[in-house]
């Protein structure tokens, strides 16, 4: 029976720190969504908010992860439906349209007027494009698969 080395497990304080780091990361990546909402909220008749309660901003804690998950699902479904290379541009446009409508549906929490939610969703999508490109450029490189090295190919005859 192997004994686990002391200090290798996750401590209580380590778990609390990781939880708050996760919350900060989600809020940090939600900045483009918040920016889209803030710009539309400044427009007098369209951007009328349901409530001025600052606790409504906590909704971004579930909105961005749900939006991220829906991006993955919509992209996978559209790749499955449109396998031809000729429909690549149509696939991108349709994906952007579906994601814009999903994001606008989430914004109905904040706005009384559905037009405000639609415009906020559109602005957030516009703000998210360069943010996503920047995140992809600065993301750490994926490690190679262990089977791709020379040691894994020694026994394979070609």
N, C-alpha and C. Protein backbone atom coordinates (compact mmCIF):
# COMPACT_ATOMS: atom_id res chain seq x y z
N UNK A 1 0.85 -1.16 0.00
CA UNK A 1 0.00 0.00 0.00
C UNK A 1 0.91 1.24 0.00
N UNK A 2 0.69 2.10 -1.02
CA UNK A 2 1.51 3.30 -1.16
C UNK A 2 0.91 4.42 -0.33
N UNK A 3 1.77 5.10 0.34
CA UNK A 3 1.34 6.24 1.14
C UNK A 3 1.54 7.51 0.32
N UNK A 4 0.53 8.38 0.31
CA UNK A 4 0.62 9.62 -0.46
C UNK A 4 1.60 10.57 0.22
N UNK A 5 2.52 11.18 -0.57
CA UNK A 5 3.49 12.10 0.03
C UNK A 5 2.78 13.27 0.70
N UNK A 6 3.31 13.70 1.80
CA UNK A 6 2.70 14.79 2.55
C UNK A 6 2.86 16.10 1.78
N UNK A 7 1.78 16.89 1.75
CA UNK A 7 1.84 18.18 1.08
C UNK A 7 1.46 18.11 -0.40
N UNK A 8 1.15 16.95 -0.93
CA UNK A 8 0.81 16.82 -2.34
C UNK A 8 -0.67 17.04 -2.62
N UNK A 9 -1.52 16.88 -1.63
CA UNK A 9 -2.96 17.01 -1.82
C UNK A 9 -3.39 18.47 -1.84
N UNK A 10 -4.64 18.68 -2.15
CA UNK A 10 -5.18 20.03 -2.16
C UNK A 10 -5.65 20.38 -0.76
N UNK A 11 -5.17 21.48 -0.26
CA UNK A 11 -5.58 21.91 1.07
C UNK A 11 -6.88 22.70 0.99
N UNK A 12 -7.44 22.96 2.14
CA UNK A 12 -8.68 23.74 2.21
C UNK A 12 -8.46 25.14 1.63
N UNK A 13 -7.37 25.78 2.03
CA UNK A 13 -7.10 27.14 1.55
C UNK A 13 -6.75 27.15 0.07
N UNK A 14 -6.11 26.10 -0.39
CA UNK A 14 -5.82 26.00 -1.83
C UNK A 14 -7.10 25.90 -2.65
N UNK A 15 -8.07 25.16 -2.12
CA UNK A 15 -9.36 25.04 -2.82
C UNK A 15 -10.09 26.37 -2.85
N UNK A 16 -10.03 27.11 -1.76
CA UNK A 16 -10.68 28.43 -1.73
C UNK A 16 -10.01 29.39 -2.70
N UNK A 17 -8.69 29.37 -2.73
CA UNK A 17 -7.96 30.24 -3.66
C UNK A 17 -8.28 29.88 -5.11
N UNK A 18 -8.32 28.59 -5.43
CA UNK A 18 -8.64 28.17 -6.80
C UNK A 18 -10.07 28.57 -7.19
N UNK A 19 -11.00 28.49 -6.24
CA UNK A 19 -12.38 28.89 -6.51
C UNK A 19 -12.43 30.37 -6.88
N UNK A 20 -11.77 31.22 -6.10
CA UNK A 20 -11.81 32.65 -6.39
C UNK A 20 -11.02 33.00 -7.65
N UNK A 21 -9.98 32.26 -7.95
CA UNK A 21 -9.28 32.48 -9.22
C UNK A 21 -10.18 32.14 -10.41
N UNK A 22 -10.99 31.09 -10.27
CA UNK A 22 -11.94 30.73 -11.31
C UNK A 22 -12.99 31.83 -11.49
N UNK A 23 -13.51 32.36 -10.40
CA UNK A 23 -14.49 33.44 -10.47
C UNK A 23 -13.89 34.67 -11.14
N UNK A 24 -12.67 35.02 -10.78
CA UNK A 24 -12.00 36.18 -11.38
C UNK A 24 -11.75 35.95 -12.87
N UNK A 25 -11.39 34.73 -13.25
CA UNK A 25 -11.16 34.43 -14.67
C UNK A 25 -12.45 34.55 -15.47
N UNK A 26 -13.56 34.06 -14.92
CA UNK A 26 -14.84 34.16 -15.63
C UNK A 26 -15.26 35.62 -15.76
N UNK A 27 -15.11 36.39 -14.69
CA UNK A 27 -15.46 37.81 -14.76
C UNK A 27 -14.54 38.56 -15.73
N UNK A 28 -13.27 38.19 -15.75
CA UNK A 28 -12.34 38.85 -16.67
C UNK A 28 -12.66 38.57 -18.13
N UNK A 29 -13.07 37.35 -18.42
CA UNK A 29 -13.41 37.04 -19.80
C UNK A 29 -14.80 37.55 -20.17
N UNK A 30 -15.58 37.95 -19.18
CA UNK A 30 -16.92 38.51 -19.44
C UNK A 30 -16.89 40.00 -19.73
N UNK A 31 -15.73 40.60 -19.72
CA UNK A 31 -15.63 42.05 -19.94
C UNK A 31 -16.26 42.49 -21.26
N UNK A 32 -16.04 41.79 -22.39
CA UNK A 32 -16.72 42.22 -23.63
C UNK A 32 -18.25 42.14 -23.52
N UNK A 33 -18.76 41.17 -22.79
CA UNK A 33 -20.21 41.08 -22.60
C UNK A 33 -20.71 42.25 -21.77
N UNK A 34 -19.98 42.59 -20.72
CA UNK A 34 -20.37 43.72 -19.87
C UNK A 34 -20.29 45.03 -20.65
N UNK A 35 -19.28 45.14 -21.49
CA UNK A 35 -19.11 46.35 -22.29
C UNK A 35 -20.27 46.54 -23.26
N UNK A 36 -20.71 45.47 -23.90
CA UNK A 36 -21.86 45.56 -24.80
C UNK A 36 -23.12 45.97 -24.06
N UNK A 37 -23.30 45.44 -22.87
CA UNK A 37 -24.47 45.81 -22.09
C UNK A 37 -24.39 47.27 -21.64
N UNK A 38 -23.22 47.72 -21.23
CA UNK A 38 -23.06 49.08 -20.73
C UNK A 38 -23.29 50.12 -21.83
N UNK A 39 -22.82 49.83 -23.05
CA UNK A 39 -23.00 50.78 -24.15
C UNK A 39 -24.48 50.93 -24.48
N UNK A 40 -25.21 49.82 -24.55
CA UNK A 40 -26.63 49.88 -24.88
C UNK A 40 -27.43 50.50 -23.73
N UNK A 41 -26.99 50.28 -22.50
CA UNK A 41 -27.70 50.85 -21.35
C UNK A 41 -27.65 52.37 -21.36
N UNK A 42 -26.69 52.95 -22.06
CA UNK A 42 -26.59 54.41 -22.16
C UNK A 42 -27.60 55.01 -23.14
N UNK A 43 -28.16 54.21 -24.03
CA UNK A 43 -29.14 54.71 -25.01
C UNK A 43 -30.48 54.88 -24.28
N UNK A 44 -31.09 56.08 -24.33
CA UNK A 44 -32.24 56.37 -23.48
C UNK A 44 -33.45 55.46 -23.63
N UNK A 45 -33.99 55.27 -24.80
CA UNK A 45 -35.25 54.52 -24.89
C UNK A 45 -35.03 53.02 -25.11
N UNK A 46 -33.98 52.66 -25.81
CA UNK A 46 -33.74 51.25 -26.13
C UNK A 46 -33.09 50.52 -24.97
N UNK A 47 -32.16 51.16 -24.30
CA UNK A 47 -31.37 50.50 -23.27
C UNK A 47 -31.94 50.61 -21.88
N UNK A 48 -33.24 50.67 -21.74
CA UNK A 48 -33.83 50.78 -20.41
C UNK A 48 -33.67 49.45 -19.67
N UNK A 49 -33.02 49.52 -18.53
CA UNK A 49 -32.76 48.32 -17.74
C UNK A 49 -33.97 47.95 -16.90
N UNK A 50 -34.12 46.66 -16.64
CA UNK A 50 -35.22 46.19 -15.78
C UNK A 50 -35.02 46.68 -14.35
N UNK A 51 -33.78 46.69 -13.90
CA UNK A 51 -33.47 47.09 -12.53
C UNK A 51 -32.07 47.67 -12.52
N UNK A 52 -31.82 48.55 -11.58
CA UNK A 52 -30.48 49.12 -11.44
C UNK A 52 -29.71 48.44 -10.31
N UNK A 53 -30.14 47.27 -9.93
CA UNK A 53 -29.49 46.52 -8.86
C UNK A 53 -28.13 46.01 -9.34
N UNK A 54 -27.05 46.37 -8.67
CA UNK A 54 -25.72 45.92 -9.11
C UNK A 54 -25.53 44.41 -8.99
N UNK A 55 -26.37 43.75 -8.21
CA UNK A 55 -26.24 42.29 -8.08
C UNK A 55 -26.62 41.58 -9.39
N UNK A 56 -27.29 42.27 -10.29
CA UNK A 56 -27.60 41.66 -11.59
C UNK A 56 -26.33 41.34 -12.38
N UNK A 57 -25.25 42.03 -12.06
CA UNK A 57 -23.99 41.75 -12.75
C UNK A 57 -23.46 40.35 -12.43
N UNK A 58 -23.94 39.75 -11.37
CA UNK A 58 -23.54 38.38 -11.05
C UNK A 58 -24.04 37.39 -12.10
N UNK A 59 -25.01 37.81 -12.92
CA UNK A 59 -25.49 36.94 -13.99
C UNK A 59 -24.40 36.62 -15.00
N UNK A 60 -23.38 37.47 -15.08
CA UNK A 60 -22.28 37.19 -16.01
C UNK A 60 -21.49 35.97 -15.59
N UNK A 61 -21.60 35.56 -14.33
CA UNK A 61 -20.90 34.35 -13.87
C UNK A 61 -21.44 33.10 -14.55
N UNK A 62 -22.70 33.09 -14.95
CA UNK A 62 -23.23 31.94 -15.67
C UNK A 62 -23.38 32.23 -17.17
N UNK A 63 -23.46 33.51 -17.54
CA UNK A 63 -23.68 33.83 -18.95
C UNK A 63 -22.47 33.47 -19.82
N UNK A 64 -21.27 33.85 -19.40
CA UNK A 64 -20.11 33.57 -20.25
C UNK A 64 -19.83 32.08 -20.36
N UNK A 65 -19.85 31.30 -19.26
CA UNK A 65 -19.64 29.85 -19.44
C UNK A 65 -20.72 29.20 -20.30
N UNK A 66 -21.97 29.64 -20.16
CA UNK A 66 -23.02 29.10 -21.01
C UNK A 66 -22.81 29.50 -22.47
N UNK A 67 -22.37 30.73 -22.70
CA UNK A 67 -22.10 31.19 -24.06
C UNK A 67 -20.92 30.41 -24.65
N UNK A 68 -19.89 30.17 -23.86
CA UNK A 68 -18.74 29.40 -24.32
C UNK A 68 -19.15 27.98 -24.69
N UNK A 69 -19.97 27.35 -23.84
CA UNK A 69 -20.45 25.99 -24.11
C UNK A 69 -21.32 25.97 -25.37
N UNK A 70 -22.20 26.97 -25.52
CA UNK A 70 -23.06 27.00 -26.72
C UNK A 70 -22.24 27.25 -27.98
N UNK A 71 -21.13 27.99 -27.87
CA UNK A 71 -20.24 28.16 -29.03
C UNK A 71 -19.68 26.82 -29.48
N UNK A 72 -19.27 26.00 -28.53
CA UNK A 72 -18.72 24.68 -28.88
C UNK A 72 -19.79 23.81 -29.52
N UNK A 73 -20.99 23.82 -28.96
CA UNK A 73 -22.06 22.96 -29.47
C UNK A 73 -22.50 23.42 -30.86
N UNK A 74 -22.70 24.73 -31.04
CA UNK A 74 -23.14 25.24 -32.34
C UNK A 74 -22.09 24.97 -33.40
N UNK A 75 -20.83 25.16 -33.07
CA UNK A 75 -19.76 24.91 -34.04
C UNK A 75 -19.72 23.43 -34.44
N UNK A 76 -19.86 22.53 -33.48
CA UNK A 76 -19.83 21.10 -33.78
C UNK A 76 -21.03 20.68 -34.62
N UNK A 77 -22.20 21.19 -34.29
CA UNK A 77 -23.41 20.83 -35.04
C UNK A 77 -23.32 21.35 -36.47
N UNK A 78 -22.85 22.59 -36.64
CA UNK A 78 -22.75 23.14 -37.98
C UNK A 78 -21.68 22.42 -38.81
N UNK A 79 -20.60 22.00 -38.18
CA UNK A 79 -19.59 21.21 -38.90
C UNK A 79 -20.18 19.88 -39.36
N UNK A 80 -21.03 19.31 -38.54
CA UNK A 80 -21.66 18.05 -38.88
C UNK A 80 -22.66 18.23 -40.02
N UNK A 81 -23.41 19.32 -39.99
CA UNK A 81 -24.43 19.56 -41.02
C UNK A 81 -23.83 19.99 -42.35
N UNK A 82 -22.80 20.83 -42.29
CA UNK A 82 -22.21 21.38 -43.52
C UNK A 82 -20.77 20.91 -43.64
N UNK A 83 -20.60 19.73 -44.22
CA UNK A 83 -19.26 19.18 -44.37
C UNK A 83 -18.54 19.70 -45.61
N UNK A 84 -19.26 20.20 -46.57
CA UNK A 84 -18.66 20.66 -47.82
C UNK A 84 -17.85 21.93 -47.58
N UNK A 85 -16.74 22.06 -48.29
CA UNK A 85 -15.89 23.25 -48.18
C UNK A 85 -16.56 24.48 -48.75
N UNK A 86 -17.47 24.31 -49.71
CA UNK A 86 -18.12 25.46 -50.34
C UNK A 86 -19.04 26.19 -49.37
N UNK A 87 -19.53 25.50 -48.37
CA UNK A 87 -20.47 26.11 -47.44
C UNK A 87 -19.78 26.63 -46.18
N UNK A 88 -18.47 26.79 -46.21
CA UNK A 88 -17.72 27.24 -45.03
C UNK A 88 -18.15 28.65 -44.62
N UNK A 89 -18.28 29.55 -45.57
CA UNK A 89 -18.68 30.93 -45.25
C UNK A 89 -20.11 30.95 -44.74
N UNK A 90 -21.00 30.17 -45.36
CA UNK A 90 -22.38 30.09 -44.89
C UNK A 90 -22.44 29.52 -43.48
N UNK A 91 -21.60 28.55 -43.20
CA UNK A 91 -21.53 27.94 -41.87
C UNK A 91 -21.12 28.99 -40.83
N UNK A 92 -20.14 29.82 -41.15
CA UNK A 92 -19.69 30.85 -40.22
C UNK A 92 -20.79 31.88 -39.98
N UNK A 93 -21.46 32.30 -41.05
CA UNK A 93 -22.53 33.30 -40.91
C UNK A 93 -23.68 32.74 -40.09
N UNK A 94 -24.08 31.51 -40.38
CA UNK A 94 -25.18 30.90 -39.64
C UNK A 94 -24.80 30.69 -38.17
N UNK A 95 -23.57 30.30 -37.92
CA UNK A 95 -23.10 30.14 -36.55
C UNK A 95 -23.11 31.45 -35.79
N UNK A 96 -22.63 32.53 -36.44
CA UNK A 96 -22.65 33.84 -35.79
C UNK A 96 -24.08 34.30 -35.51
N UNK A 97 -24.98 34.04 -36.43
CA UNK A 97 -26.38 34.43 -36.25
C UNK A 97 -27.02 33.68 -35.08
N UNK A 98 -26.80 32.37 -35.01
CA UNK A 98 -27.37 31.57 -33.92
C UNK A 98 -26.79 32.01 -32.58
N UNK A 99 -25.48 32.24 -32.52
CA UNK A 99 -24.86 32.65 -31.26
C UNK A 99 -25.30 34.05 -30.85
N UNK A 100 -25.52 34.94 -31.82
CA UNK A 100 -26.02 36.27 -31.52
C UNK A 100 -27.42 36.19 -30.91
N UNK A 101 -28.26 35.34 -31.47
CA UNK A 101 -29.61 35.20 -30.92
C UNK A 101 -29.60 34.56 -29.53
N UNK A 102 -28.74 33.58 -29.32
CA UNK A 102 -28.62 32.98 -27.98
C UNK A 102 -28.11 34.00 -26.95
N UNK A 103 -27.14 34.79 -27.34
CA UNK A 103 -26.62 35.81 -26.43
C UNK A 103 -27.67 36.88 -26.16
N UNK A 104 -28.44 37.25 -27.19
CA UNK A 104 -29.51 38.24 -27.01
C UNK A 104 -30.59 37.70 -26.09
N UNK A 105 -30.85 36.43 -26.18
CA UNK A 105 -31.82 35.81 -25.28
C UNK A 105 -31.35 35.90 -23.82
N UNK A 106 -30.04 35.75 -23.61
CA UNK A 106 -29.50 35.88 -22.26
C UNK A 106 -29.61 37.32 -21.76
N UNK A 107 -29.50 38.28 -22.66
CA UNK A 107 -29.56 39.70 -22.28
C UNK A 107 -30.97 40.17 -21.91
N UNK A 108 -31.98 39.36 -22.17
CA UNK A 108 -33.33 39.78 -21.78
C UNK A 108 -33.46 39.85 -20.26
N UNK A 109 -32.49 39.32 -19.53
CA UNK A 109 -32.47 39.46 -18.08
C UNK A 109 -32.29 40.93 -17.70
N UNK A 110 -31.50 41.65 -18.48
CA UNK A 110 -31.14 43.02 -18.13
C UNK A 110 -32.09 44.07 -18.72
N UNK A 111 -32.57 43.86 -19.95
CA UNK A 111 -33.28 44.91 -20.67
C UNK A 111 -34.78 44.66 -20.72
N UNK A 112 -35.56 45.75 -20.64
CA UNK A 112 -37.02 45.64 -20.77
C UNK A 112 -37.41 45.46 -22.23
N UNK A 113 -36.73 46.15 -23.11
CA UNK A 113 -37.04 46.12 -24.53
C UNK A 113 -36.22 45.02 -25.21
N UNK A 114 -36.86 44.12 -25.97
CA UNK A 114 -36.09 43.08 -26.67
C UNK A 114 -35.09 43.67 -27.67
N UNK A 115 -35.38 44.85 -28.21
CA UNK A 115 -34.45 45.48 -29.13
C UNK A 115 -33.14 45.83 -28.42
N UNK A 116 -33.24 46.25 -27.18
CA UNK A 116 -32.03 46.53 -26.39
C UNK A 116 -31.20 45.27 -26.21
N UNK A 117 -31.86 44.14 -25.96
CA UNK A 117 -31.14 42.87 -25.81
C UNK A 117 -30.49 42.46 -27.12
N UNK A 118 -31.18 42.66 -28.24
CA UNK A 118 -30.61 42.32 -29.55
C UNK A 118 -29.39 43.18 -29.87
N UNK A 119 -29.49 44.48 -29.62
CA UNK A 119 -28.36 45.37 -29.91
C UNK A 119 -27.19 45.07 -28.97
N UNK A 120 -27.48 44.81 -27.70
CA UNK A 120 -26.41 44.46 -26.76
C UNK A 120 -25.73 43.15 -27.16
N UNK A 121 -26.52 42.20 -27.64
CA UNK A 121 -25.94 40.94 -28.11
C UNK A 121 -25.05 41.15 -29.32
N UNK A 122 -25.50 42.01 -30.23
CA UNK A 122 -24.70 42.31 -31.43
C UNK A 122 -23.39 43.01 -31.05
N UNK A 123 -23.48 44.01 -30.18
CA UNK A 123 -22.26 44.71 -29.76
C UNK A 123 -21.31 43.79 -29.00
N UNK A 124 -21.86 42.91 -28.18
CA UNK A 124 -21.01 41.98 -27.45
C UNK A 124 -20.31 41.02 -28.40
N UNK A 125 -21.01 40.56 -29.42
CA UNK A 125 -20.37 39.69 -30.42
C UNK A 125 -19.26 40.44 -31.14
N UNK A 126 -19.49 41.72 -31.45
CA UNK A 126 -18.45 42.51 -32.11
C UNK A 126 -17.25 42.70 -31.19
N UNK A 127 -17.50 42.94 -29.90
CA UNK A 127 -16.41 43.11 -28.95
C UNK A 127 -15.69 41.79 -28.66
N UNK A 128 -16.40 40.68 -28.77
CA UNK A 128 -15.80 39.37 -28.48
C UNK A 128 -14.85 38.89 -29.57
N UNK A 129 -15.10 39.28 -30.82
CA UNK A 129 -14.25 38.79 -31.92
C UNK A 129 -12.78 39.12 -31.70
N UNK A 130 -12.39 40.40 -31.53
CA UNK A 130 -10.95 40.67 -31.32
C UNK A 130 -10.44 40.11 -29.99
N UNK A 131 -11.31 40.05 -28.98
CA UNK A 131 -10.91 39.50 -27.68
C UNK A 131 -10.59 38.01 -27.82
N UNK A 132 -11.40 37.28 -28.58
CA UNK A 132 -11.15 35.85 -28.78
C UNK A 132 -9.87 35.63 -29.58
N UNK A 133 -9.63 36.47 -30.58
CA UNK A 133 -8.39 36.36 -31.36
C UNK A 133 -7.19 36.62 -30.46
N UNK A 134 -7.29 37.63 -29.60
CA UNK A 134 -6.19 37.95 -28.69
C UNK A 134 -5.95 36.80 -27.72
N UNK A 135 -7.02 36.19 -27.20
CA UNK A 135 -6.86 35.07 -26.28
C UNK A 135 -6.21 33.87 -26.96
N UNK A 136 -6.58 33.62 -28.22
CA UNK A 136 -5.98 32.50 -28.95
C UNK A 136 -4.51 32.75 -29.23
N UNK A 137 -4.11 33.99 -29.49
CA UNK A 137 -2.71 34.29 -29.74
C UNK A 137 -1.86 34.12 -28.49
N UNK A 138 -2.42 34.47 -27.34
CA UNK A 138 -1.66 34.45 -26.10
C UNK A 138 -1.89 33.19 -25.27
N UNK A 139 -2.58 32.23 -25.81
CA UNK A 139 -2.82 30.98 -25.09
C UNK A 139 -1.54 30.14 -25.11
N UNK A 140 -1.30 29.38 -24.06
CA UNK A 140 -0.11 28.51 -24.07
C UNK A 140 -0.27 27.43 -25.13
N UNK A 141 0.84 27.04 -25.71
CA UNK A 141 0.81 26.02 -26.75
C UNK A 141 0.44 24.68 -26.15
N UNK A 142 -0.33 23.90 -26.92
CA UNK A 142 -0.71 22.56 -26.48
C UNK A 142 0.52 21.66 -26.53
N UNK A 143 0.60 20.77 -25.57
CA UNK A 143 1.70 19.81 -25.58
C UNK A 143 1.43 18.77 -26.65
N UNK A 144 2.49 18.26 -27.24
CA UNK A 144 2.34 17.22 -28.26
C UNK A 144 1.82 15.95 -27.61
N UNK A 145 1.14 15.15 -28.41
CA UNK A 145 0.67 13.86 -27.92
C UNK A 145 1.87 12.98 -27.62
N UNK A 146 1.82 12.20 -26.55
CA UNK A 146 2.97 11.35 -26.21
C UNK A 146 3.28 10.32 -27.29
N UNK A 147 2.30 9.94 -28.09
CA UNK A 147 2.53 8.96 -29.13
C UNK A 147 3.18 9.53 -30.37
N UNK A 148 3.36 10.86 -30.43
CA UNK A 148 3.92 11.48 -31.62
C UNK A 148 5.43 11.61 -31.59
N UNK A 149 6.07 11.24 -30.51
CA UNK A 149 7.51 11.41 -30.44
C UNK A 149 8.22 10.24 -31.14
N UNK A 150 9.54 10.36 -31.26
CA UNK A 150 10.31 9.34 -31.96
C UNK A 150 10.31 8.01 -31.22
N UNK A 151 10.22 8.05 -29.91
CA UNK A 151 10.23 6.81 -29.13
C UNK A 151 8.99 5.99 -29.43
N UNK A 152 7.87 6.64 -29.59
CA UNK A 152 6.62 5.92 -29.87
C UNK A 152 6.57 5.35 -31.27
N UNK A 153 7.40 5.84 -32.18
CA UNK A 153 7.37 5.39 -33.57
C UNK A 153 8.41 4.32 -33.87
N UNK A 154 9.24 3.96 -32.90
CA UNK A 154 10.30 2.99 -33.16
C UNK A 154 9.77 1.64 -33.54
N UNK A 155 8.71 1.20 -32.92
CA UNK A 155 8.20 -0.13 -33.17
C UNK A 155 7.25 -0.21 -34.36
N UNK A 156 6.95 0.91 -34.98
CA UNK A 156 6.00 0.94 -36.08
C UNK A 156 6.76 0.82 -37.39
N UNK A 157 6.38 -0.13 -38.22
CA UNK A 157 7.04 -0.26 -39.52
C UNK A 157 6.20 0.48 -40.57
N UNK A 158 6.92 1.18 -41.42
CA UNK A 158 6.22 1.96 -42.43
C UNK A 158 6.46 1.41 -43.80
